Amino acid sequence: MIDESENKDTNIDGSEVKKKVNYLPTKFSLTIRLMVAAYLAYIVYSLKDVQEKYTGNELIFFIIAIAAFGVIAVFLLIHSIRALITGRYVGGAMDESTEDETSD
């Protein structure tokens, strides 16, 4: 959890003011992660014919790349889809700041 005191600043008179944090919206970031994961999956699919073209050390390099890209793609897909479904983004179902603002 993020400590809310990190996003606050103190004025000269002692009152606290929230700092404006400039990040990409989390829903947009999750969507970009999904696109990156899809692209990595496409790369893995396009490298499936590598055994016919290369041998020796080159083949080992491509097999390691296929495995690494595949694992990263699956990891990104699972975590991004889970975050989008459960609403773990700004404005989503699990956003604590929207609940606090509506109760004021």
Foldseek 3Di string as FASTA:
>chain_A
DDDQVVQWDADPVGDIDGHDDDDDFVLVVLVVLLVLLVVLVVVLVVCPCVVVPDDDPVVVVSVVSSVVSNVSSVVSVVVSVVCVVQQVTVVGPPHPVVVVVVVD
